[in-house]
Amino acid sequence: MATRWRSIARSARVRILASMLLVAAIGMTAAGVTAYLIQRERVLTQIDDRLTASVEGLQCIADGCDGRQAPTSVLGFLNEAMTRVLPDHNESTLGIIDGVPRLRPSSGISFAIDDDPDFVARILEEADAEKVVRGTAATSFGTLRYAIIPVTIEGDPAEGLYVSAYDLDAALDEITEAFRTYAYVAAIALVIVGLVGWFVSGRILRPLRLLQDTATGIGEDDLTTRIPVTGTDDVSELSHAFNAMLDRLQRSFDSQRRLLDDVSHELRTPITIVRGHLELLDVADAGEVDATRELAIDELDRMNGLVDDIALLAKTSRPDFLRPQLVDVAELTEQVLAKARALSADHEWRSAGMAHLVASLDPDRITQAWLQLAENAAKYAPAGTVIEIGSVVEHEGGAEQLELWVRDHGPGIPQEQLDWIFDRFARVEVGRGVEGSGLGLSIVAAIAAAHGGRAYARNPGSGARVAITIPVDTPEEVPDAAHPGG
């Protein structure tokens, strides 16, 4: 269980969600604390402004600025101040004469300053006969912001103090309550963000989990599992790319498996033949030794040819397999026809048309594939028959296709075998004992595919017509006069 929880905690979904919640929490906390501090500072400024207004009001009373007679005693001044300067909300005042609390408002106050002797003692200690003293103190009523105003009247020896104090806790209660409400709302918002984020991140990361499950479930013998893809986002594109990679891997795996199966089958025959003759060899019979030696060399040569063909097939998937260049197709056709005539003197080789254009292709590989088609035709066509070689440009779906073909006039290819004669080790059985590795036509198909084309075969009536087609981009035509021999 602990391992499972650790795995969940390390998952991308949890880390993404934790990052989202952390950023949201930091942002909400910073916004709330900033707003609280600004509002708190505003309240403190308002309280200081009211204390300053109280000082100005007392000065007005002392100067008789409102038309009334100025007080002639400290007691009279404080009495008039208590009567005319009414305490504000969360404010209390106190009049002190010669260190003794004497006067306070009769009503309208939430606390009485003189009910806290320690605070009164602090006031007396901090008071200054020459200036107004401001301060903040923690009292039994809570935190108070106060101002101590000295009062002296000429001709009166008494020393008075007018004290105004505001309950900061009560003044800040509204802000604190608002911040507390904000904290509750922010916490609920974080929960909602977490739930939504968990759901959304799960939907977004679902293809990744499927990708992980698919990758985990893939075995050596099963590459068929694919990820179901929905949507068009980046993760869906990743799923498409992963499925395409699996398709390529499966094709490569199937191809390699078929190749190994076919190679093991093809090699088993010559090995069995050589082993059988060696086991039955009479070393005293010189003629039998020579015959067995020739047979063994012949089978080894056949195996060597098979290995060479397999190596060539393996190279067809490499980027440097082809070396394309601009080639005059008509000249290439003439060259292939001349080389084909050297393959067999028992057949009549004819040119059946040439494509007069310049195309980008690998002339060596194309010649190799074309001659392989010619060699196959010479093997299967009866002696004395005509074999035709030609090239032509076809138009398929608005695109130009260069077709290079060979046609014989033999028995043709059985209809049911036309679709797989280009497979590895495929041999057409038409009652003719023709030997070979069975890789020749598959090499032709691989060369055509490397050029972006394909190889195919059909029976046009008598004999077989085998060809490769290569797409040609805007071919450059060559005048017929340039090839008078064609």
Protein backbone atom coordinates (compact mmCIF):
# COMPACT_ATOMS: atom_id res chain seq x y z
CA MET A 1 0.00 0.00 0.00
CA ALA A 2 2.83 2.40 0.89
CA THR A 3 4.50 1.70 -2.44
CA ARG A 4 1.26 2.41 -4.30
CA TRP A 5 0.82 5.75 -2.50
CA ARG A 6 4.42 6.69 -3.27
CA SER A 7 3.79 5.85 -6.91
CA ILE A 8 0.66 8.03 -6.95
CA ALA A 9 2.51 10.88 -5.23
CA ARG A 10 5.22 10.76 -7.91
CA SER A 11 2.74 10.67 -10.78
CA ALA A 12 2.61 13.54 -13.28
CA ARG A 13 -1.07 14.10 -12.44
CA VAL A 14 -0.37 14.71 -8.75
CA ARG A 15 2.66 16.89 -9.45
CA ILE A 16 0.75 19.02 -11.96
CA LEU A 17 -2.17 19.38 -9.56
CA ALA A 18 0.14 20.18 -6.64
CA SER A 19 1.90 22.84 -8.70
CA MET A 20 -1.44 24.39 -9.70
CA LEU A 21 -2.71 24.43 -6.11
CA LEU A 22 0.58 25.81 -4.78
CA VAL A 23 0.62 28.67 -7.29
CA ALA A 24 -3.09 29.39 -6.68
CA ALA A 25 -2.62 29.30 -2.89
CA ILE A 26 0.39 31.62 -3.02
CA GLY A 27 -1.49 34.02 -5.29
CA MET A 28 -4.62 34.04 -3.13
CA THR A 29 -2.60 34.42 0.08
CA ALA A 30 -0.54 37.28 -1.34
CA ALA A 31 -3.68 39.04 -2.59
CA GLY A 32 -5.52 38.58 0.73
CA VAL A 33 -2.61 39.65 2.95
CA THR A 34 -1.91 42.68 0.76
CA ALA A 35 -5.54 43.77 0.85
CA TYR A 36 -5.66 43.25 4.63
CA LEU A 37 -2.52 45.28 5.26
CA ILE A 38 -3.71 48.11 3.03
CA GLN A 39 -7.09 48.26 4.78
CA ARG A 40 -5.42 48.02 8.20
CA GLU A 41 -3.09 50.89 7.37
CA ARG A 42 -6.05 52.91 6.17
CA VAL A 43 -7.90 52.34 9.47
CA LEU A 44 -4.83 53.31 11.49
CA THR A 45 -4.45 56.47 9.42
CA GLN A 46 -8.11 57.34 10.01
CA ILE A 47 -7.67 56.85 13.78
CA ASP A 48 -4.58 59.09 13.80
CA ASP A 49 -6.52 61.70 11.84
CA ARG A 50 -9.33 61.59 14.43
CA LEU A 51 -6.83 61.96 17.29
CA THR A 52 -5.36 64.96 15.50
CA ALA A 53 -8.87 66.38 15.09
CA SER A 54 -9.41 65.94 18.84
CA VAL A 55 -6.29 68.00 19.55
CA GLU A 56 -7.52 70.74 17.20
CA GLY A 57 -10.94 70.69 18.84
CA LEU A 58 -9.43 71.14 22.31
CA GLN A 59 -7.31 74.00 21.06
CA CYS A 60 -10.45 75.63 19.73
CA ILE A 61 -12.10 75.32 23.16
CA ALA A 62 -9.03 76.80 24.84
CA ASP A 63 -8.94 79.75 22.45
CA GLY A 64 -12.68 80.41 22.58
CA CYS A 65 -12.80 80.32 18.79
CA ASP A 66 -16.49 79.42 18.65
CA GLY A 67 -17.57 82.66 20.41
CA ARG A 68 -17.76 81.18 23.85
CA GLN A 69 -15.72 82.41 26.81
CA ALA A 70 -12.47 80.52 27.23
CA PRO A 71 -12.34 78.30 30.37
CA THR A 72 -10.51 79.83 33.34
CA SER A 73 -9.59 76.59 35.09
CA VAL A 74 -8.31 73.18 34.16
CA LEU A 75 -11.40 71.54 35.63
CA GLY A 76 -13.68 73.86 33.70
CA PHE A 77 -11.76 73.19 30.47
CA LEU A 78 -11.99 69.42 30.91
CA ASN A 79 -15.70 69.65 31.81
CA GLU A 80 -16.41 71.61 28.68
CA ALA A 81 -14.25 69.25 26.58
CA MET A 82 -16.15 66.22 27.88
CA THR A 83 -19.42 67.97 27.06
CA ARG A 84 -18.59 69.34 23.61
CA VAL A 85 -16.18 66.68 22.17
CA LEU A 86 -18.25 63.53 21.93
CA PRO A 87 -16.34 60.20 21.70
CA ASP A 88 -16.28 58.53 18.31
CA HIS A 89 -17.19 54.92 17.62
CA ASN A 90 -14.81 52.62 19.56
CA GLU A 91 -13.34 55.70 21.33
CA SER A 92 -13.14 56.61 24.98
CA THR A 93 -11.84 59.77 26.68
CA LEU A 94 -10.60 60.59 30.18
CA GLY A 95 -9.80 63.79 32.04
CA ILE A 96 -6.98 63.66 34.57
CA ILE A 97 -6.14 66.48 37.03
CA ASP A 98 -2.91 66.33 39.02
CA GLY A 99 -2.51 62.63 38.28
CA VAL A 100 -6.00 61.65 39.35
CA PRO A 101 -8.71 60.52 36.87
CA ARG A 102 -11.55 62.99 37.38
CA LEU A 103 -13.75 63.11 34.30
CA ARG A 104 -15.05 60.68 31.71
CA PRO A 105 -18.07 60.60 29.35
CA SER A 106 -21.22 59.47 31.05
CA SER A 107 -22.37 57.38 28.09
CA GLY A 108 -21.61 56.46 24.49
CA ILE A 109 -18.36 54.66 25.23
CA SER A 110 -17.63 50.92 24.95
CA PHE A 111 -14.90 50.98 27.59
CA ALA A 112 -13.71 53.30 30.38
CA ILE A 113 -10.01 54.12 30.36
CA ASP A 114 -9.75 54.44 34.12
CA ASP A 115 -11.02 50.89 34.59
CA ASP A 116 -7.48 49.74 33.77
CA PRO A 117 -5.12 51.16 36.46
CA ASP A 118 -2.05 49.87 34.65
CA PHE A 119 -2.95 51.78 31.53
CA VAL A 120 -3.64 54.93 33.60
CA ALA A 121 -0.22 54.53 35.20
CA ARG A 122 1.36 54.26 31.76
CA ILE A 123 -0.42 57.43 30.67
CA LEU A 124 0.89 59.34 33.68
CA GLU A 125 4.39 58.03 33.02
CA GLU A 126 4.40 58.98 29.33
CA ALA A 127 2.65 62.35 29.68
CA ASP A 128 4.65 65.47 28.72
CA ALA A 129 3.56 68.94 29.81
CA GLU A 130 5.03 70.50 26.64
CA LYS A 131 3.66 68.31 23.82
CA VAL A 132 1.06 65.79 22.74
CA VAL A 133 2.13 62.16 23.18
CA ARG A 134 0.81 59.38 20.94
CA GLY A 135 1.17 55.66 21.44
CA THR A 136 -0.22 52.16 21.19
CA ALA A 137 -0.66 49.86 24.18
CA ALA A 138 -1.98 46.39 24.95
CA THR A 139 -4.52 46.76 27.73
CA SER A 140 -7.23 44.74 29.40
CA PHE A 141 -9.64 46.19 26.81
CA GLY A 142 -7.46 45.12 23.92
CA THR A 143 -4.99 47.10 21.82
CA LEU A 144 -5.53 50.85 22.20
CA ARG A 145 -4.25 53.72 20.07
CA TYR A 146 -4.14 56.84 22.27
CA ALA A 147 -3.17 60.48 22.45
CA ILE A 148 -2.23 62.31 25.71
CA ILE A 149 -2.93 66.07 25.48
CA PRO A 150 -1.53 68.30 28.26
CA VAL A 151 -3.94 70.98 29.62
CA THR A 152 -2.78 74.07 31.48
CA ILE A 153 -4.73 77.26 32.20
CA GLU A 154 -2.97 80.49 33.13
CA GLY A 155 -3.70 81.34 36.74
CA ASP A 156 -4.63 77.78 37.65
CA PRO A 157 -1.80 75.76 39.21
CA ALA A 158 -3.50 72.44 38.43
CA GLU A 159 -2.03 70.23 35.70
CA GLY A 160 -4.53 68.42 33.51
CA LEU A 161 -4.42 65.69 30.88
CA TYR A 162 -6.99 64.97 28.22
CA VAL A 163 -6.69 61.35 27.04
CA SER A 164 -8.37 60.00 23.89
CA ALA A 165 -8.02 56.26 23.12
CA TYR A 166 -9.34 54.12 20.26
CA ASP A 167 -9.92 50.36 20.47
CA LEU A 168 -7.83 49.12 17.54
CA ASP A 169 -9.14 45.55 17.81
CA ALA A 170 -12.75 46.70 17.49
CA ALA A 171 -11.83 49.10 14.68
CA LEU A 172 -10.05 46.29 12.81
CA ASP A 173 -12.75 43.68 13.51
CA GLU A 174 -14.56 44.38 10.25
CA ILE A 175 -11.35 44.03 8.26
CA THR A 176 -10.37 40.88 10.16
CA GLU A 177 -13.79 39.39 9.60
CA ALA A 178 -13.63 40.25 5.91
CA PHE A 179 -10.17 38.63 5.69
CA ARG A 180 -11.48 35.56 7.51
CA THR A 181 -14.37 35.32 5.06
CA TYR A 182 -11.89 35.72 2.20
CA ALA A 183 -9.78 32.90 3.65
CA TYR A 184 -12.83 30.60 3.77
CA VAL A 185 -13.80 31.50 0.21
CA ALA A 186 -10.18 31.03 -0.95
CA ALA A 187 -10.03 27.61 0.73
CA ILE A 188 -13.27 26.55 -0.97
CA ALA A 189 -11.95 27.91 -4.27
CA LEU A 190 -8.75 25.87 -3.84
CA VAL A 191 -10.83 22.75 -3.22
CA ILE A 192 -12.86 23.45 -6.36
CA VAL A 193 -9.67 24.17 -8.33
CA GLY A 194 -8.21 20.92 -7.02
CA LEU A 195 -11.28 18.88 -8.03
CA VAL A 196 -11.51 20.50 -11.46
CA GLY A 197 -7.73 20.23 -11.92
CA TRP A 198 -7.78 16.56 -10.93
CA PHE A 199 -10.53 15.86 -13.46
CA VAL A 200 -9.03 17.95 -16.27
CA SER A 201 -5.47 16.70 -15.74
CA GLY A 202 -6.81 13.15 -15.70
CA ARG A 203 -8.54 13.71 -19.04
CA ILE A 204 -5.44 15.35 -20.52
CA LEU A 205 -3.03 12.72 -19.21
CA ARG A 206 -5.27 9.76 -20.00
CA PRO A 207 -3.52 9.14 -23.35
CA LEU A 208 -0.19 9.14 -21.51
CA ARG A 209 -1.47 6.51 -19.09
CA LEU A 210 -2.76 4.49 -22.01
CA LEU A 211 0.62 4.96 -23.67
CA GLN A 212 2.33 3.68 -20.53
CA ASP A 213 -0.05 0.72 -20.24
CA THR A 214 0.41 -0.04 -23.93
CA ALA A 215 4.19 0.16 -23.71
CA THR A 216 4.13 -2.06 -20.61
CA GLY A 217 1.83 -4.60 -22.24
CA ILE A 218 3.86 -4.91 -25.42
CA GLY A 219 5.75 -8.18 -25.53
CA GLU A 220 8.22 -9.70 -27.90
CA ASP A 221 5.50 -11.58 -29.73
CA ASP A 222 2.68 -9.01 -29.63
CA LEU A 223 2.92 -5.54 -31.15
CA THR A 224 -0.75 -5.28 -32.11
CA THR A 225 -1.93 -3.14 -29.16
CA ARG A 226 -2.72 0.48 -30.07
CA ILE A 227 -3.73 3.56 -28.08
CA PRO A 228 -7.29 4.81 -28.74
CA VAL A 229 -6.96 8.45 -29.80
CA THR A 230 -9.59 11.13 -29.20
CA GLY A 231 -9.20 14.87 -29.73
CA THR A 232 -6.66 16.95 -31.59
CA ASP A 233 -4.41 18.29 -28.83
CA ASP A 234 -0.67 17.76 -28.35
CA VAL A 235 -1.16 14.60 -26.30
CA SER A 236 -3.40 13.16 -29.03
CA GLU A 237 -0.70 13.94 -31.57
CA LEU A 238 1.76 12.10 -29.33
CA SER A 239 -0.59 9.11 -29.30
CA HIS A 240 -0.80 9.21 -33.10
CA ALA A 241 3.00 9.31 -33.30
CA PHE A 242 3.32 6.43 -30.82
CA ASN A 243 0.81 4.32 -32.77
CA ALA A 244 2.68 5.08 -35.99
CA MET A 245 5.92 4.02 -34.31
CA LEU A 246 4.28 0.77 -33.22
CA ASP A 247 3.09 0.21 -36.80
CA ARG A 248 6.65 0.63 -38.06
CA LEU A 249 8.01 -1.62 -35.33
CA GLN A 250 5.42 -4.28 -36.07
CA ARG A 251 6.19 -4.18 -39.78
CA SER A 252 9.89 -4.39 -39.05
CA PHE A 253 9.37 -7.17 -36.52
CA ASP A 254 7.15 -9.16 -38.87
CA SER A 255 9.59 -8.62 -41.71
CA GLN A 256 12.55 -9.76 -39.64
CA ARG A 257 10.65 -12.76 -38.33
CA ARG A 258 9.62 -13.79 -41.83
CA LEU A 259 13.17 -13.27 -43.02
CA LEU A 260 14.59 -15.43 -40.26
CA ASP A 261 12.01 -18.12 -40.88
CA ASP A 262 12.65 -18.06 -44.61
CA VAL A 263 16.44 -17.95 -44.25
CA SER A 264 16.42 -20.86 -41.82
CA HIS A 265 14.24 -22.80 -44.25
CA GLU A 266 16.38 -21.97 -47.27
CA LEU A 267 19.67 -22.74 -45.54
CA ARG A 268 18.41 -26.00 -44.12
CA THR A 269 18.15 -27.60 -47.59
CA PRO A 270 21.78 -27.14 -48.74
CA ILE A 271 23.06 -28.00 -45.27
CA THR A 272 20.99 -31.21 -45.30
CA ILE A 273 22.22 -32.08 -48.79
CA VAL A 274 25.88 -31.55 -47.93
CA ARG A 275 25.56 -33.38 -44.62
CA GLY A 276 23.80 -36.33 -46.23
CA HIS A 277 26.46 -36.72 -48.91
CA LEU A 278 29.27 -36.40 -46.37
CA GLU A 279 27.71 -39.01 -44.10
CA LEU A 280 27.42 -41.46 -47.01
CA LEU A 281 30.75 -40.57 -48.59
CA ASP A 282 33.07 -43.45 -49.39
CA VAL A 283 36.48 -41.86 -48.99
CA ALA A 284 38.09 -44.79 -50.82
CA ASP A 285 36.15 -43.95 -53.98
CA ALA A 286 37.98 -41.04 -55.64
CA GLY A 287 35.13 -40.42 -58.09
CA GLU A 288 32.59 -40.18 -55.28
CA VAL A 289 34.88 -37.82 -53.35
CA ASP A 290 35.20 -35.53 -56.40
CA ALA A 291 31.45 -35.54 -56.99
CA THR A 292 30.70 -34.81 -53.35
CA ARG A 293 33.29 -32.03 -53.37
CA GLU A 294 31.70 -30.41 -56.43
CA LEU A 295 28.23 -30.74 -54.92
CA ALA A 296 29.38 -29.21 -51.61
CA ILE A 297 31.08 -26.29 -53.39
CA ASP A 298 27.95 -25.73 -55.50
CA GLU A 299 25.70 -25.68 -52.39
CA LEU A 300 28.11 -23.39 -50.56
CA ASP A 301 28.12 -21.02 -53.53
CA ARG A 302 24.34 -21.04 -53.43
CA MET A 303 24.37 -20.26 -49.71
CA ASN A 304 26.91 -17.48 -50.31
CA GLY A 305 24.64 -15.98 -52.96
CA LEU A 306 21.73 -16.22 -50.54
CA VAL A 307 23.70 -14.38 -47.83
CA ASP A 308 24.69 -11.68 -50.36
CA ASP A 309 21.05 -11.20 -51.35
CA ILE A 310 19.98 -10.99 -47.69
CA ALA A 311 22.69 -8.39 -47.02
CA LEU A 312 21.47 -6.36 -50.00
CA LEU A 313 17.89 -6.51 -48.75
CA ALA A 314 19.04 -5.27 -45.33
CA LYS A 315 20.71 -2.27 -47.01
CA THR A 316 17.51 -1.16 -48.78
CA SER A 317 16.25 0.55 -45.61
CA ARG A 318 19.40 2.63 -45.18
CA PRO A 319 19.35 6.31 -46.25
CA ASP A 320 22.48 5.88 -48.39
CA PHE A 321 21.10 2.89 -50.31
CA LEU A 322 20.24 5.09 -53.28
CA ARG A 323 22.46 7.61 -55.05
CA PRO A 324 19.97 9.41 -57.31
CA GLN A 325 21.03 11.51 -60.25
CA LEU A 326 19.48 12.86 -63.45
CA VAL A 327 19.35 10.02 -65.97
CA ASP A 328 18.33 9.90 -69.63
CA VAL A 329 15.79 7.07 -69.46
CA ALA A 330 16.03 6.22 -73.19
CA GLU A 331 19.79 5.77 -72.95
CA LEU A 332 19.35 3.68 -69.81
CA THR A 333 16.81 1.50 -71.65
CA GLU A 334 19.28 0.89 -74.47
CA GLN A 335 22.03 -0.01 -72.01
CA VAL A 336 19.82 -2.48 -70.12
CA LEU A 337 18.72 -4.09 -73.41
CA ALA A 338 22.35 -4.54 -74.46
CA LYS A 339 23.24 -6.11 -71.12
CA ALA A 340 20.17 -8.35 -71.19
CA ARG A 341 21.21 -9.82 -74.55
CA ALA A 342 24.34 -11.11 -72.80
CA LEU A 343 22.22 -12.97 -70.26
CA SER A 344 20.88 -15.50 -72.73
CA ALA A 345 21.65 -16.21 -76.39
CA ASP A 346 18.71 -18.61 -76.55
CA HIS A 347 16.14 -15.80 -76.71
CA GLU A 348 15.41 -12.96 -79.09
CA TRP A 349 15.67 -9.66 -77.21
CA ARG A 350 13.70 -6.71 -78.58
CA SER A 351 13.14 -3.08 -77.66
CA ALA A 352 9.43 -2.30 -77.26
CA GLY A 353 9.52 1.47 -76.79
CA MET A 354 11.53 4.02 -74.86
CA ALA A 355 10.52 6.91 -72.62
CA HIS A 356 12.31 10.03 -73.82
CA LEU A 357 12.79 11.97 -70.62
CA VAL A 358 15.31 12.79 -67.93
CA ALA A 359 14.39 11.45 -64.49
CA SER A 360 16.03 11.51 -61.06
CA LEU A 361 16.90 7.94 -60.05
CA ASP A 362 19.79 5.66 -59.12
CA PRO A 363 20.91 4.19 -62.46
CA ASP A 364 22.92 1.36 -60.87
CA ARG A 365 20.06 0.14 -58.67
CA ILE A 366 17.51 0.51 -61.46
CA THR A 367 19.78 -1.41 -63.83
CA GLN A 368 20.18 -4.14 -61.19
CA ALA A 369 16.41 -4.45 -60.72
CA TRP A 370 15.66 -4.28 -64.44
CA LEU A 371 18.22 -6.95 -65.28
CA GLN A 372 16.79 -9.14 -62.52
CA LEU A 373 13.41 -8.96 -64.28
CA ALA A 374 15.14 -9.81 -67.56
CA GLU A 375 16.99 -12.74 -65.98
CA ASN A 376 13.77 -14.11 -64.53
CA ALA A 377 12.12 -13.84 -67.94
CA ALA A 378 15.04 -15.71 -69.55
CA LYS A 379 14.75 -18.47 -66.94
CA TYR A 380 11.04 -19.07 -67.42
CA ALA A 381 10.53 -18.34 -71.13
CA PRO A 382 11.13 -21.22 -73.54
CA ALA A 383 14.26 -21.02 -75.69
CA GLY A 384 13.76 -19.25 -79.02
CA THR A 385 10.93 -17.00 -77.78
CA VAL A 386 10.95 -13.22 -77.82
CA ILE A 387 11.60 -11.17 -74.68
CA GLU A 388 10.73 -7.46 -74.85
CA ILE A 389 12.19 -4.61 -72.79
CA GLY A 390 10.71 -1.14 -72.73
CA SER A 391 10.06 2.06 -70.80
CA VAL A 392 7.10 4.40 -70.94
CA VAL A 393 5.60 7.34 -69.04
CA GLU A 394 2.08 6.71 -67.75
CA HIS A 395 -0.40 9.20 -66.31
CA GLU A 396 -2.13 7.99 -63.14
CA GLY A 397 -4.37 10.33 -61.21
CA GLY A 398 -2.70 13.42 -62.64
CA ALA A 399 0.77 12.20 -61.65
CA GLU A 400 3.55 11.05 -63.95
CA GLN A 401 4.72 7.46 -63.49
CA LEU A 402 7.79 6.03 -65.22
CA GLU A 403 7.27 2.34 -66.02
CA LEU A 404 10.22 0.05 -66.75
CA TRP A 405 9.09 -3.38 -67.91
CA VAL A 406 10.04 -6.77 -69.27
CA ARG A 407 7.67 -9.13 -71.10
CA ASP A 408 8.23 -12.73 -72.07
CA HIS A 409 6.12 -15.11 -74.16
CA GLY A 410 6.30 -18.12 -71.89
CA PRO A 411 3.55 -19.87 -69.89
CA GLY A 412 2.90 -16.78 -67.75
CA ILE A 413 2.35 -16.59 -64.01
CA PRO A 414 -0.55 -18.44 -62.33
CA GLN A 415 -3.23 -15.88 -61.52
CA GLU A 416 -3.35 -16.79 -57.81
CA GLN A 417 0.41 -16.17 -57.51
CA LEU A 418 0.54 -12.67 -59.04
CA ASP A 419 0.08 -10.95 -55.67
CA TRP A 420 2.95 -12.59 -53.82
CA ILE A 421 5.70 -13.31 -56.34
CA PHE A 422 7.64 -10.30 -54.98
CA ASP A 423 7.66 -11.76 -51.47
CA ARG A 424 10.91 -13.17 -50.13
CA PHE A 425 11.74 -16.72 -51.28
CA ALA A 426 8.65 -16.83 -53.46
CA ARG A 427 8.99 -19.06 -56.51
CA VAL A 428 6.53 -19.56 -59.32
CA GLU A 429 5.83 -23.24 -59.92
CA VAL A 430 4.91 -23.76 -63.54
CA GLY A 431 6.50 -27.12 -64.13
CA ARG A 432 9.94 -25.66 -64.86
CA GLY A 433 12.83 -26.62 -62.65
CA VAL A 434 14.38 -23.18 -62.13
CA GLU A 435 16.87 -22.67 -59.35
CA GLY A 436 17.55 -19.52 -57.40
CA SER A 437 17.53 -17.99 -53.93
CA GLY A 438 13.99 -16.72 -54.25
CA LEU A 439 15.10 -13.22 -53.28
CA GLY A 440 15.57 -11.72 -56.73
CA LEU A 441 12.08 -10.26 -57.15
CA SER A 442 11.94 -9.12 -53.52
CA ILE A 443 15.13 -7.14 -54.19
CA VAL A 444 13.42 -5.63 -57.24
CA ALA A 445 10.43 -4.64 -55.09
CA ALA A 446 12.75 -3.14 -52.45
CA ILE A 447 14.61 -1.04 -55.05
CA ALA A 448 11.30 0.19 -56.48
CA ALA A 449 10.03 1.06 -52.98
CA ALA A 450 13.25 2.93 -52.22
CA HIS A 451 12.48 5.12 -55.27
CA GLY A 452 8.94 5.68 -53.97
CA GLY A 453 7.45 3.26 -56.48
CA ARG A 454 6.33 -0.35 -56.65
CA ALA A 455 6.80 -3.60 -58.57
CA TYR A 456 3.97 -5.61 -60.06
CA ALA A 457 3.26 -8.41 -62.52
CA ARG A 458 0.38 -9.33 -64.81
CA ASN A 459 -0.44 -11.69 -67.63
CA PRO A 460 -1.25 -9.64 -70.76
CA GLY A 461 -2.41 -12.67 -72.74
CA SER A 462 0.59 -14.80 -73.54
CA GLY A 463 3.53 -14.81 -71.22
CA ALA A 464 4.08 -12.46 -68.28
CA ARG A 465 4.73 -8.74 -68.04
CA VAL A 466 6.71 -7.69 -64.96
CA ALA A 467 7.45 -4.02 -64.29
CA ILE A 468 8.47 -1.40 -61.80
CA THR A 469 6.88 2.05 -61.67
CA ILE A 470 8.57 5.15 -60.28
CA PRO A 471 6.88 8.51 -59.67
CA VAL A 472 8.41 11.30 -61.76
CA ASP A 473 8.11 14.95 -60.73
CA THR A 474 7.67 17.21 -63.80
CA PRO A 475 9.86 15.08 -66.10
CA GLU A 476 12.02 16.84 -68.61
CA GLU A 477 11.32 15.45 -72.06
CA VAL A 478 14.15 14.59 -74.45
CA PRO A 479 13.46 14.92 -78.21
CA ASP A 480 13.25 11.64 -80.12
CA ALA A 481 15.94 12.89 -82.49
CA ALA A 482 18.45 12.60 -79.66
CA HIS A 483 18.05 8.78 -79.85
CA PRO A 484 18.09 7.80 -83.50
CA GLY A 485 18.67 4.18 -82.59
CA GLY A 486 15.53 3.86 -80.44
